[in-house]
Amino acid sequence: HFHAYYGDHAALIEIETLKVIAGSLPKRALAMVLEWAFAHRNELMEDWKLAESHQPLKQIEPLE
């Protein structure tokens, strides 16, 4: 999973399914996060594997 923050809102999103597993975001913010996550799912999985082995994460480009 990964964490997404927008103002006072926060959500945990499962990488494989892109489902919100905890918390919430406003509708528009969630749509943007999901668009970004869909485009970068492989990079998110790679970073998750790095995190599990306590290695530095690679930076992922923001949504343009």
N, C-alpha and C. Protein backbone atom coordinates (compact mmCIF):
# COMPACT_ATOMS: atom_id res chain seq x y z
N HIS A 1 0.83 -1.18 0.00
CA HIS A 1 0.00 0.00 0.00
C HIS A 1 0.87 1.24 0.00
N PHE A 2 0.24 2.38 -0.30
CA PHE A 2 0.94 3.65 -0.17
C PHE A 2 0.01 4.64 0.50
N HIS A 3 0.58 5.70 1.01
CA HIS A 3 -0.16 6.74 1.72
C HIS A 3 -0.35 7.93 0.79
N ALA A 4 -1.54 8.52 0.81
CA ALA A 4 -1.82 9.73 0.05
C ALA A 4 -2.41 10.76 1.00
N TYR A 5 -1.94 11.99 0.89
CA TYR A 5 -2.38 13.08 1.77
C TYR A 5 -2.90 14.24 0.94
N TYR A 6 -3.97 14.86 1.43
CA TYR A 6 -4.51 16.05 0.80
C TYR A 6 -5.10 16.91 1.91
N GLY A 7 -4.42 18.01 2.22
CA GLY A 7 -4.87 18.85 3.33
C GLY A 7 -4.92 18.04 4.62
N ASP A 8 -6.08 18.05 5.26
CA ASP A 8 -6.27 17.30 6.51
C ASP A 8 -6.70 15.86 6.27
N HIS A 9 -6.79 15.44 5.03
CA HIS A 9 -7.26 14.10 4.68
C HIS A 9 -6.07 13.19 4.39
N ALA A 10 -6.27 11.91 4.68
CA ALA A 10 -5.24 10.91 4.38
C ALA A 10 -5.91 9.59 4.02
N ALA A 11 -5.26 8.83 3.15
CA ALA A 11 -5.80 7.53 2.77
C ALA A 11 -4.65 6.56 2.54
N LEU A 12 -4.92 5.29 2.82
CA LEU A 12 -4.01 4.20 2.48
C LEU A 12 -4.63 3.50 1.28
N ILE A 13 -3.82 3.32 0.23
CA ILE A 13 -4.34 2.75 -1.01
C ILE A 13 -3.52 1.52 -1.37
N GLU A 14 -4.22 0.43 -1.63
CA GLU A 14 -3.58 -0.82 -2.01
C GLU A 14 -3.03 -0.68 -3.44
N ILE A 15 -1.77 -1.01 -3.63
CA ILE A 15 -1.13 -0.83 -4.93
C ILE A 15 -1.74 -1.74 -6.00
N GLU A 16 -1.95 -2.99 -5.67
CA GLU A 16 -2.41 -3.96 -6.67
C GLU A 16 -3.81 -3.67 -7.19
N THR A 17 -4.72 -3.23 -6.29
CA THR A 17 -6.11 -3.04 -6.69
C THR A 17 -6.51 -1.57 -6.80
N LEU A 18 -5.69 -0.69 -6.25
CA LEU A 18 -5.97 0.75 -6.15
C LEU A 18 -7.24 1.04 -5.36
N LYS A 19 -7.55 0.18 -4.41
CA LYS A 19 -8.67 0.40 -3.51
C LYS A 19 -8.20 1.11 -2.25
N VAL A 20 -9.02 2.03 -1.75
CA VAL A 20 -8.74 2.70 -0.48
C VAL A 20 -9.00 1.68 0.63
N ILE A 21 -7.97 1.41 1.43
CA ILE A 21 -8.12 0.41 2.49
C ILE A 21 -8.27 1.06 3.86
N ALA A 22 -7.99 2.37 3.95
CA ALA A 22 -8.19 3.11 5.20
C ALA A 22 -8.20 4.60 4.88
N GLY A 23 -8.97 5.35 5.65
CA GLY A 23 -9.02 6.78 5.47
C GLY A 23 -9.85 7.18 4.26
N SER A 24 -9.71 8.46 3.88
CA SER A 24 -10.46 8.95 2.72
C SER A 24 -9.84 10.24 2.20
N LEU A 25 -10.15 10.54 0.95
CA LEU A 25 -9.74 11.78 0.31
C LEU A 25 -10.97 12.37 -0.37
N PRO A 26 -10.99 13.69 -0.57
CA PRO A 26 -12.08 14.26 -1.35
C PRO A 26 -12.10 13.63 -2.74
N LYS A 27 -13.28 13.57 -3.34
CA LYS A 27 -13.48 12.87 -4.61
C LYS A 27 -12.47 13.27 -5.69
N ARG A 28 -12.29 14.57 -5.92
CA ARG A 28 -11.38 15.04 -6.96
C ARG A 28 -9.93 14.66 -6.66
N ALA A 29 -9.52 14.80 -5.41
CA ALA A 29 -8.15 14.44 -5.01
C ALA A 29 -7.93 12.94 -5.19
N LEU A 30 -8.91 12.14 -4.81
CA LEU A 30 -8.79 10.69 -4.96
C LEU A 30 -8.66 10.31 -6.44
N ALA A 31 -9.45 10.95 -7.29
CA ALA A 31 -9.37 10.66 -8.73
C ALA A 31 -7.98 10.96 -9.27
N MET A 32 -7.38 12.05 -8.83
CA MET A 32 -6.03 12.40 -9.29
C MET A 32 -5.00 11.41 -8.77
N VAL A 33 -5.12 11.02 -7.51
CA VAL A 33 -4.19 10.05 -6.93
C VAL A 33 -4.29 8.72 -7.66
N LEU A 34 -5.51 8.28 -7.95
CA LEU A 34 -5.68 7.00 -8.63
C LEU A 34 -5.15 7.05 -10.06
N GLU A 35 -5.33 8.18 -10.74
CA GLU A 35 -4.77 8.34 -12.09
C GLU A 35 -3.26 8.21 -12.05
N TRP A 36 -2.65 8.89 -11.07
CA TRP A 36 -1.18 8.85 -10.91
C TRP A 36 -0.73 7.42 -10.58
N ALA A 37 -1.42 6.79 -9.62
CA ALA A 37 -1.02 5.45 -9.18
C ALA A 37 -1.15 4.43 -10.31
N PHE A 38 -2.19 4.55 -11.13
CA PHE A 38 -2.36 3.63 -12.26
C PHE A 38 -1.19 3.76 -13.22
N ALA A 39 -0.76 4.99 -13.47
CA ALA A 39 0.34 5.24 -14.40
C ALA A 39 1.69 4.78 -13.84
N HIS A 40 1.80 4.68 -12.52
CA HIS A 40 3.08 4.38 -11.88
C HIS A 40 3.03 3.12 -11.02
N ARG A 41 2.10 2.24 -11.31
CA ARG A 41 1.91 1.05 -10.47
C ARG A 41 3.19 0.22 -10.37
N ASN A 42 3.89 0.00 -11.47
CA ASN A 42 5.13 -0.79 -11.42
C ASN A 42 6.18 -0.13 -10.54
N GLU A 43 6.30 1.18 -10.64
CA GLU A 43 7.27 1.90 -9.80
C GLU A 43 6.88 1.83 -8.32
N LEU A 44 5.57 1.91 -8.05
CA LEU A 44 5.10 1.79 -6.67
C LEU A 44 5.43 0.41 -6.10
N MET A 45 5.25 -0.63 -6.90
CA MET A 45 5.58 -1.99 -6.44
C MET A 45 7.08 -2.12 -6.19
N GLU A 46 7.88 -1.53 -7.07
CA GLU A 46 9.32 -1.57 -6.89
C GLU A 46 9.72 -0.86 -5.59
N ASP A 47 9.14 0.30 -5.34
CA ASP A 47 9.43 1.02 -4.10
C ASP A 47 8.96 0.24 -2.88
N TRP A 48 7.81 -0.44 -2.99
CA TRP A 48 7.32 -1.23 -1.87
C TRP A 48 8.33 -2.33 -1.53
N LYS A 49 8.88 -2.98 -2.54
CA LYS A 49 9.88 -4.03 -2.30
C LYS A 49 11.14 -3.44 -1.66
N LEU A 50 11.54 -2.25 -2.09
CA LEU A 50 12.69 -1.57 -1.48
C LEU A 50 12.39 -1.25 -0.01
N ALA A 51 11.19 -0.77 0.26
CA ALA A 51 10.81 -0.42 1.64
C ALA A 51 10.83 -1.65 2.54
N GLU A 52 10.34 -2.76 2.02
CA GLU A 52 10.34 -4.00 2.82
C GLU A 52 11.75 -4.43 3.21
N SER A 53 12.73 -4.13 2.36
CA SER A 53 14.10 -4.51 2.68
C SER A 53 14.90 -3.33 3.24
N HIS A 54 14.18 -2.30 3.69
CA HIS A 54 14.78 -1.13 4.36
C HIS A 54 15.83 -0.43 3.50
N GLN A 55 15.56 -0.33 2.21
CA GLN A 55 16.45 0.37 1.29
C GLN A 55 15.82 1.70 0.89
N PRO A 56 16.62 2.65 0.44
CA PRO A 56 16.07 3.95 0.02
C PRO A 56 15.12 3.77 -1.16
N LEU A 57 14.04 4.54 -1.13
CA LEU A 57 13.05 4.49 -2.20
C LEU A 57 13.50 5.35 -3.37
N LYS A 58 13.00 4.99 -4.55
CA LYS A 58 13.26 5.80 -5.74
C LYS A 58 12.14 6.82 -5.87
N GLN A 59 12.48 7.99 -6.33
CA GLN A 59 11.49 9.05 -6.50
C GLN A 59 10.60 8.73 -7.72
N ILE A 60 9.31 8.96 -7.58
CA ILE A 60 8.36 8.74 -8.66
C ILE A 60 7.85 10.09 -9.13
N GLU A 61 7.80 10.26 -10.44
CA GLU A 61 7.37 11.54 -11.00
C GLU A 61 5.94 11.87 -10.58
N PRO A 62 5.67 13.16 -10.34
CA PRO A 62 4.31 13.57 -9.97
C PRO A 62 3.38 13.56 -11.18
N LEU A 63 2.09 13.68 -10.91
CA LEU A 63 1.10 13.79 -11.98
C LEU A 63 1.24 15.14 -12.65
N GLU A 64 1.23 15.15 -13.97
CA GLU A 64 1.37 16.43 -14.69
C GLU A 64 0.03 16.88 -15.22
